[in-house]
Amino acid sequence: MPVNLKGRNLLTLKDFTPQEINYLLDLAADLKVKKRLGIQGESLKGKNIVLLFDKTSTRTRCAFEVAALDEGAHVTFLSNSQMGKKESLEDTAKVLGRFYDGIEYRGFKQETVELLARYSGVPVWNGLTDLYHPTQILADFLTVKEHVNKPLNKVKFVYVGDARNNMGNSLMIGCAKMGMSFVALAPKELFPDQKLVEEMRELCMETGGSITLTEDVDDVAGADVIYTDVWVSMGEEAQFEERIKLLTPYRVTMEMIRKTGNPEVKFLHCLPSFHDTETSVGMDIYNKFGIKEMEVSDEVFRSKHSVVFDEAENRMHTIKAVMVATLGK
């Protein structure tokens, strides 16, 4: 059955079927080839897109801007609007929906992106909230398809670290949708929300996937992918000391890579990463806590196992696919 995503929002991958997710991944791969061949697209010609940012960004902003421009759209970056200050979310959404053909939002509350979708009347795309990061998962899965010589539903995907943050949530949802074996390796205090786990385990009964929660690092055995994220999300900086104590045993090191027993295991990270002291935050952490690496060792980050920069590039191709599929000609 043909897939038609015209006019759809991307708020969470919960709203998409496996067939629709595969369609977006295949479209992204096609658009990536077109980009490499230097072919200018026109799928978004004449469209106007606004990017609303309440959180800082490198990859998400640049990916949306370049992807839109590649397909002929015009982009407005808006980070200092009246939304939620002098003007309600509902009113802002109704105004922007009359100016723009599509809206991206990156910020804190999931409710914000849902209200924009409810009241704007145009496709709305979630560039990250505290609960979900769906565009990142599409980039991750495209990267896995490129680098792991297995269909997605045969992949063992291990997420290490804070498993109850937006990346832990979104990867568990994505893996359940695609019938993958998902392992959350974390201290119990940072296990995902039990209600979401139960919902995804029920979904796995349809897709053939599995969800495992574990504190045992030995459970990385047989992994095709090791994935981690920063130990402290934006807005949680006061928790650095607590998280370092909790998560140091879960740092991705070459020892953990070897425990997989898979010489071809791939390392992914949504970035940015605290793998050295070449940032002001990294140096500040070193000065306060005496550690030069946090969620991943510099050795792993720079190793043959790491495909983090292919993954970063794929943000652009998958975001382009989302916009073309939901808004394009």
Protein backbone atom coordinates (compact mmCIF):
# COMPACT_ATOMS: atom_id res chain seq x y z
CA MET A 1 0.00 0.00 0.00
CA PRO A 2 1.47 3.40 -1.00
CA VAL A 3 2.60 5.71 1.80
CA ASN A 4 1.29 9.27 1.81
CA LEU A 5 2.49 11.56 4.60
CA LYS A 6 1.35 14.88 3.11
CA GLY A 7 0.15 17.28 5.79
CA ARG A 8 1.33 15.06 8.67
CA ASN A 9 3.06 16.30 11.83
CA LEU A 10 6.16 14.64 13.28
CA LEU A 11 5.71 14.98 17.05
CA THR A 12 6.77 11.48 18.13
CA LEU A 13 7.50 8.24 16.29
CA LYS A 14 4.60 6.71 18.22
CA ASP A 15 2.37 8.27 15.56
CA PHE A 16 4.07 6.45 12.65
CA THR A 17 3.81 2.87 11.45
CA PRO A 18 6.89 0.76 10.66
CA GLN A 19 6.01 1.08 6.97
CA GLU A 20 5.94 4.89 7.25
CA ILE A 21 9.26 4.98 9.11
CA ASN A 22 10.84 2.75 6.45
CA TYR A 23 9.45 5.06 3.78
CA LEU A 24 11.16 8.05 5.43
CA LEU A 25 14.45 6.15 5.70
CA ASP A 26 14.32 5.08 2.05
CA LEU A 27 13.44 8.61 0.96
CA ALA A 28 16.33 10.00 3.03
CA ALA A 29 18.74 7.57 1.36
CA ASP A 30 17.50 8.68 -2.08
CA LEU A 31 17.81 12.36 -1.17
CA LYS A 32 21.33 11.73 0.15
CA VAL A 33 22.35 10.30 -3.23
CA LYS A 34 20.82 13.29 -4.98
CA LYS A 35 22.75 15.65 -2.70
CA ARG A 36 26.01 13.82 -3.40
CA LEU A 37 25.38 14.12 -7.13
CA GLY A 38 24.88 17.88 -6.77
CA ILE A 39 21.27 17.79 -7.96
CA GLN A 40 19.27 20.78 -6.72
CA GLY A 41 15.83 19.78 -5.52
CA GLU A 42 12.58 21.65 -6.02
CA SER A 43 10.20 19.67 -3.81
CA LEU A 44 9.87 22.60 -1.39
CA LYS A 45 10.11 25.42 -3.94
CA GLY A 46 7.93 28.34 -2.92
CA LYS A 47 7.46 27.03 0.64
CA ASN A 48 8.19 29.09 3.75
CA ILE A 49 9.39 27.34 6.91
CA VAL A 50 9.91 28.78 10.38
CA LEU A 51 12.29 27.30 12.94
CA LEU A 52 11.35 28.02 16.56
CA PHE A 53 14.19 27.44 19.03
CA ASP A 54 13.93 27.66 22.82
CA LYS A 55 17.09 25.52 23.21
CA THR A 56 20.54 25.91 21.70
CA SER A 57 21.41 23.81 18.67
CA THR A 58 24.06 22.99 16.11
CA ARG A 59 22.93 19.93 14.14
CA THR A 60 19.16 20.45 14.31
CA ARG A 61 19.23 24.07 13.18
CA CYS A 62 21.82 23.54 10.45
CA ALA A 63 20.13 20.35 9.23
CA PHE A 64 16.73 22.01 8.88
CA GLU A 65 18.16 25.11 7.19
CA VAL A 66 20.38 23.30 4.68
CA ALA A 67 17.76 20.62 3.97
CA ALA A 68 15.08 23.24 3.31
CA LEU A 69 17.34 25.35 1.10
CA ASP A 70 18.47 22.28 -0.85
CA GLU A 71 14.85 21.70 -1.85
CA GLY A 72 14.06 25.35 -2.62
CA ALA A 73 12.34 26.55 0.57
CA HIS A 74 12.85 29.83 2.40
CA VAL A 75 13.67 29.60 6.13
CA THR A 76 13.14 31.97 9.06
CA PHE A 77 15.04 31.25 12.27
CA LEU A 78 13.07 32.59 15.24
CA SER A 79 14.56 32.38 18.73
CA ASN A 80 13.28 35.50 20.45
CA SER A 81 9.55 35.63 19.73
CA GLN A 82 6.65 36.70 21.92
CA MET A 83 5.43 33.09 22.16
CA GLY A 84 4.43 32.27 25.72
CA LYS A 85 5.47 35.73 26.94
CA LYS A 86 3.15 38.38 25.53
CA GLU A 87 1.31 36.02 23.20
CA SER A 88 -0.19 32.63 23.94
CA LEU A 89 0.96 29.47 22.20
CA GLU A 90 -2.46 29.15 20.56
CA ASP A 91 -2.37 32.69 19.17
CA THR A 92 1.23 32.35 18.02
CA ALA A 93 0.44 29.07 16.24
CA LYS A 94 -2.53 30.63 14.44
CA VAL A 95 -0.41 33.59 13.29
CA LEU A 96 2.55 31.49 12.13
CA GLY A 97 0.23 29.08 10.35
CA ARG A 98 -0.94 31.98 8.15
CA PHE A 99 2.64 33.01 7.30
CA TYR A 100 4.35 29.65 6.96
CA ASP A 101 3.84 26.28 5.30
CA GLY A 102 5.71 24.33 8.00
CA ILE A 103 6.91 24.86 11.57
CA GLU A 104 9.81 23.25 13.44
CA TYR A 105 10.03 23.54 17.23
CA ARG A 106 12.97 22.73 19.54
CA GLY A 107 12.49 23.37 23.22
CA PHE A 108 11.37 21.96 26.54
CA LYS A 109 7.74 20.87 26.89
CA GLN A 110 6.22 18.28 24.56
CA GLU A 111 2.93 20.11 25.12
CA THR A 112 4.34 23.13 23.26
CA VAL A 113 4.97 21.28 20.00
CA GLU A 114 1.58 19.54 20.32
CA LEU A 115 -0.21 22.87 20.74
CA LEU A 116 1.60 24.29 17.71
CA ALA A 117 0.38 21.31 15.72
CA ARG A 118 -3.17 21.62 17.05
CA TYR A 119 -3.63 25.30 16.22
CA SER A 120 -1.33 26.19 13.30
CA GLY A 121 -3.02 24.21 10.53
CA VAL A 122 0.34 23.32 8.92
CA PRO A 123 2.81 20.45 9.42
CA VAL A 124 4.80 20.77 12.65
CA TRP A 125 8.07 18.92 13.26
CA ASN A 126 9.57 18.16 16.66
CA GLY A 127 13.25 19.16 16.69
CA LEU A 128 13.59 18.02 20.33
CA THR A 129 11.58 18.28 23.53
CA ASP A 130 12.21 16.96 27.02
CA LEU A 131 10.26 13.80 26.12
CA TYR A 132 11.09 12.99 22.49
CA HIS A 133 13.65 13.57 19.73
CA PRO A 134 12.14 11.81 16.68
CA THR A 135 14.29 13.38 13.95
CA GLN A 136 17.42 12.12 15.71
CA ILE A 137 16.13 8.54 15.70
CA LEU A 138 15.55 8.65 11.95
CA ALA A 139 19.17 9.74 11.47
CA ASP A 140 20.33 6.99 13.83
CA PHE A 141 18.44 4.28 11.97
CA LEU A 142 19.66 5.47 8.57
CA THR A 143 23.20 5.25 9.97
CA VAL A 144 22.57 1.73 11.27
CA LYS A 145 21.21 0.67 7.87
CA GLU A 146 24.37 2.04 6.22
CA HIS A 147 26.89 0.48 8.62
CA VAL A 148 25.36 -2.73 10.02
CA ASN A 149 24.99 -5.55 7.54
CA LYS A 150 21.64 -6.73 8.89
CA PRO A 151 18.01 -5.69 8.49
CA LEU A 152 16.88 -3.46 11.36
CA ASN A 153 14.70 -6.19 12.84
CA LYS A 154 17.80 -8.37 13.38
CA VAL A 155 19.81 -5.64 15.14
CA LYS A 156 20.65 -5.66 18.87
CA PHE A 157 20.71 -2.01 19.90
CA VAL A 158 22.15 -1.12 23.33
CA TYR A 159 21.54 2.33 24.80
CA VAL A 160 23.89 3.12 27.70
CA GLY A 161 23.42 5.87 30.29
CA ASP A 162 20.41 7.98 31.25
CA ALA A 163 17.68 5.75 29.84
CA ARG A 164 14.79 7.95 30.95
CA ASN A 165 15.75 11.04 28.94
CA ASN A 166 14.36 12.03 25.54
CA MET A 167 16.92 9.90 23.69
CA GLY A 168 16.27 6.83 25.82
CA ASN A 169 12.53 7.25 25.27
CA SER A 170 12.78 7.88 21.55
CA LEU A 171 15.23 5.08 20.79
CA MET A 172 13.07 2.60 22.71
CA ILE A 173 10.02 3.71 20.70
CA GLY A 174 11.89 3.55 17.40
CA CYS A 175 13.38 0.12 18.12
CA ALA A 176 9.99 -1.25 19.19
CA LYS A 177 8.39 0.10 16.01
CA MET A 178 11.03 -1.51 13.81
CA GLY A 179 11.07 -4.89 15.58
CA MET A 180 14.58 -4.46 16.98
CA SER A 181 16.13 -5.84 20.16
CA PHE A 182 16.48 -2.80 22.44
CA VAL A 183 18.56 -2.92 25.62
CA ALA A 184 18.60 -0.03 28.11
CA LEU A 185 21.79 -0.37 30.15
CA ALA A 186 21.55 1.99 33.12
CA PRO A 187 21.31 2.20 36.91
CA LYS A 188 17.76 1.46 38.07
CA GLU A 189 17.32 5.10 39.12
CA LEU A 190 17.57 6.05 35.45
CA PHE A 191 15.43 3.32 33.89
CA PRO A 192 12.75 4.57 31.47
CA ASP A 193 9.22 5.35 32.63
CA GLN A 194 7.49 2.04 33.37
CA LYS A 195 4.30 3.05 31.60
CA LEU A 196 6.22 3.73 28.39
CA VAL A 197 8.14 0.45 28.77
CA GLU A 198 4.88 -1.49 29.08
CA GLU A 199 3.41 0.31 26.07
CA MET A 200 6.46 -0.51 23.95
CA ARG A 201 6.57 -4.13 25.09
CA GLU A 202 2.97 -4.48 23.98
CA LEU A 203 3.93 -3.01 20.60
CA CYS A 204 6.84 -5.49 20.38
CA MET A 205 4.31 -8.32 20.46
CA GLU A 206 3.16 -7.06 17.03
CA THR A 207 6.56 -6.16 15.54
CA GLY A 208 8.75 -8.95 16.94
CA GLY A 209 11.01 -6.59 18.87
CA SER A 210 12.08 -6.81 22.50
CA ILE A 211 12.77 -4.42 25.38
CA THR A 212 15.35 -5.29 28.06
CA LEU A 213 16.23 -3.12 31.07
CA THR A 214 19.47 -4.05 32.81
CA GLU A 215 22.19 -2.76 35.14
CA ASP A 216 24.65 -5.46 34.04
CA VAL A 217 27.34 -4.23 31.63
CA ASP A 218 27.90 -7.83 30.48
CA ASP A 219 24.51 -7.61 28.74
CA VAL A 220 26.19 -5.72 25.87
CA ALA A 221 27.24 -9.17 24.59
CA GLY A 222 26.15 -9.62 20.97
CA ALA A 223 25.39 -5.94 20.45
CA ASP A 224 25.48 -4.54 16.92
CA VAL A 225 25.19 -0.94 18.15
CA ILE A 226 26.33 0.78 21.35
CA TYR A 227 24.69 4.19 21.79
CA THR A 228 25.11 6.80 24.49
CA ASP A 229 24.21 10.40 25.22
CA VAL A 230 25.39 13.09 27.62
CA TRP A 231 24.81 12.31 31.28
CA VAL A 232 23.11 15.65 31.96
CA SER A 233 20.51 17.10 29.59
CA MET A 234 20.00 20.80 28.90
CA GLY A 235 18.47 22.39 31.98
CA GLU A 236 19.84 19.72 34.38
CA GLU A 237 23.37 21.09 34.84
CA ALA A 238 23.02 21.20 38.64
CA GLN A 239 22.95 17.38 38.61
CA PHE A 240 26.47 16.82 37.23
CA GLU A 241 27.97 15.52 40.50
CA GLU A 242 25.12 13.07 41.12
CA ARG A 243 25.13 11.78 37.53
CA ILE A 244 28.90 11.31 37.48
CA LYS A 245 28.65 9.07 40.55
CA LEU A 246 25.73 7.12 39.09
CA LEU A 247 26.95 6.74 35.53
CA THR A 248 30.74 6.41 35.64
CA PRO A 249 30.41 2.58 35.62
CA TYR A 250 28.45 2.98 32.36
CA ARG A 251 31.02 5.02 30.44
CA VAL A 252 31.48 3.53 26.97
CA THR A 253 35.09 2.34 26.88
CA MET A 254 37.07 -0.07 24.73
CA GLU A 255 36.54 -2.64 27.48
CA MET A 256 32.77 -2.34 26.96
CA ILE A 257 33.26 -2.54 23.19
CA ARG A 258 35.23 -5.78 23.65
CA LYS A 259 32.52 -7.20 25.91
CA THR A 260 30.14 -7.15 22.91
CA GLY A 261 32.21 -9.91 21.29
CA ASN A 262 31.49 -8.19 17.99
CA PRO A 263 34.57 -6.78 16.20
CA GLU A 264 32.23 -4.83 13.88
CA VAL A 265 30.08 -3.23 16.61
CA LYS A 266 29.26 0.40 15.87
CA PHE A 267 29.30 3.32 18.31
CA LEU A 268 26.71 6.08 17.93
CA HIS A 269 26.13 9.33 19.82
CA CYS A 270 23.68 12.12 19.04
CA LEU A 271 26.32 14.77 19.97
CA PRO A 272 27.63 16.95 21.44
CA SER A 273 29.86 14.62 23.44
CA PHE A 274 32.07 15.14 26.47
CA HIS A 275 34.90 12.85 25.35
CA ASP A 276 37.76 15.26 26.10
CA THR A 277 38.46 18.67 27.67
CA GLU A 278 38.42 20.67 24.44
CA THR A 279 35.25 22.57 25.47
CA SER A 280 34.62 25.08 28.24
CA VAL A 281 32.10 22.71 29.84
CA GLY A 282 34.48 19.76 29.54
CA MET A 283 37.29 21.74 31.17
CA ASP A 284 34.95 22.95 33.90
CA ILE A 285 33.96 19.34 34.66
CA TYR A 286 37.64 18.35 34.78
CA ASN A 287 38.46 21.18 37.17
CA LYS A 288 35.53 20.34 39.47
CA PHE A 289 35.49 16.55 39.35
CA GLY A 290 38.87 15.50 37.96
CA ILE A 291 37.55 13.54 34.95
CA LYS A 292 38.57 14.18 31.35
CA GLU A 293 35.89 11.96 29.78
CA MET A 294 32.26 11.45 30.67
CA GLU A 295 29.82 9.25 28.75
CA VAL A 296 32.40 7.88 26.27
CA SER A 297 36.17 7.59 26.23
CA ASP A 298 38.09 9.59 23.68
CA GLU A 299 39.56 6.30 22.46
CA VAL A 300 36.14 4.90 21.53
CA PHE A 301 34.92 8.21 20.12
CA ARG A 302 37.84 8.32 17.68
CA SER A 303 37.97 4.57 16.99
CA LYS A 304 37.03 2.56 13.91
CA HIS A 305 33.80 1.61 15.72
CA SER A 306 32.59 5.22 15.82
CA VAL A 307 30.26 6.45 13.08
CA VAL A 308 29.13 9.60 14.91
CA PHE A 309 29.93 12.01 12.09
CA ASP A 310 28.10 9.93 9.48
CA GLU A 311 25.24 9.95 11.98
CA ALA A 312 25.47 13.75 12.33
CA GLU A 313 25.38 14.21 8.56
CA ASN A 314 22.34 11.97 8.37
CA ARG A 315 20.39 14.45 10.49
CA MET A 316 20.23 16.62 7.38
CA HIS A 317 19.17 13.87 4.98
CA THR A 318 16.46 12.46 7.27
CA ILE A 319 15.11 15.88 8.20
CA LYS A 320 14.96 16.67 4.50
CA ALA A 321 12.97 13.48 3.98
CA VAL A 322 10.49 14.49 6.71
CA MET A 323 9.92 17.91 5.14
CA VAL A 324 9.66 16.59 1.59
CA ALA A 325 7.29 13.80 2.63
CA THR A 326 4.97 16.01 4.68
CA LEU A 327 5.17 19.27 2.73
CA GLY A 328 6.77 18.65 -0.65
CA LYS A 329 5.24 18.60 -4.11
